[in-house]
Amino acid sequence: MAQTYKKISVVVPNYNYSHKLEKRIKTIINQTYPIHELIILDDASTDNSVMTIEKIKKRLKEKKIEVKIVVNKKNSGNVFKQWQKGFGLATGDYVWIAEADDLATESFLENVMQGFNDEEVILSYSKTKMVNEKGRISIKRTISQKILQTKNSHWKTNYINDGKKEIKEVLCIYNTIPNVSAVVFKKIKKVDYSKLLEEAQRFNVAGDWYFYCHLLLHGKIAYFKKALNLQCIHKKSVTNTTKKEAYLNEVIKMHEIISNIVQLNKKSKDAMDAQEKYLKSRFHL
């Protein structure tokens, strides 16, 4: 009996990653779990990205892979606008935002999609491994492993958790999903994805955190402990160039928002306060 595959729309937001696009797209079309469509969004790149994208589309046409290309005439100024556009264009029931400068193992989708065997799962993701611009392991410890050093066993095994419980236990403190490329989202009727992503545009950095938390009010989260997503760390990444005070303010704002959407116990509130104090100390604010 032939296997039935779920329809996955892969959205690739790109800005000036012409030199990475070929390799990135290869890690998408070579997935052991087939994709429904590929949507490439170029945010007014100033390099050869558009030319590279057109070459990729022509080549994929021969492989009968549906490719949509949208090129902005003017840079959007906010990555979450591109996410919003991607969700609007996606015709699949699941969306994978695969950022242009990241990579994935060929079994990424095959593993992560297993989370949706539970019909209540709305967000499924894998551990992320950090690599440098040459694709080599940049940080030996993943984000999850760093968290485990705090003696939190939350990410030691694969799991499925109630969304609100996940927020109360870990996501209330900081964004424990380090990279959107590690995530596949399920589209459900009761969630207005466009509205949520429009609201996320109030943030420069924490918009993804805002999006995850509000989605998880409506379903469960699935996690896979194997590092199937490879995040490229740049010397001038957003987290390195954003002003420290602005970053801290976004964390504080998110703590306020989360406190209003879920009921937190004293332990969680204390952990949030401790995180703010830690950042103030680290940033010398």
Foldseek 3Di string as FASTA:
>chain_A
DDDDAFAEEEEEEDAQVLVQQVQAVCLQCLAPGHHQAYEYEYQQHPDCNVVSVVVVVVVCVVVVHHYHYHYDNHGPLAVLVSVLVSVVPDPTQKYAHAYRQKHFHNHLCVPQVVVCVPVQAFKTFEFAFEDASVRHGDDPATLVNVVCVVVDCPLVAKDKFQLLVCCQPPLLQDNSPPDSNRMMGGDDDVDDLNVLSVVLRVARPCSVSSSSNVSSVRGMYIYHHDHGIYHYDDPDDPVVPDDLVSVLVVLVVSNVVSVVPHPYDPVSVVSNVVSSVVSCVVNVD
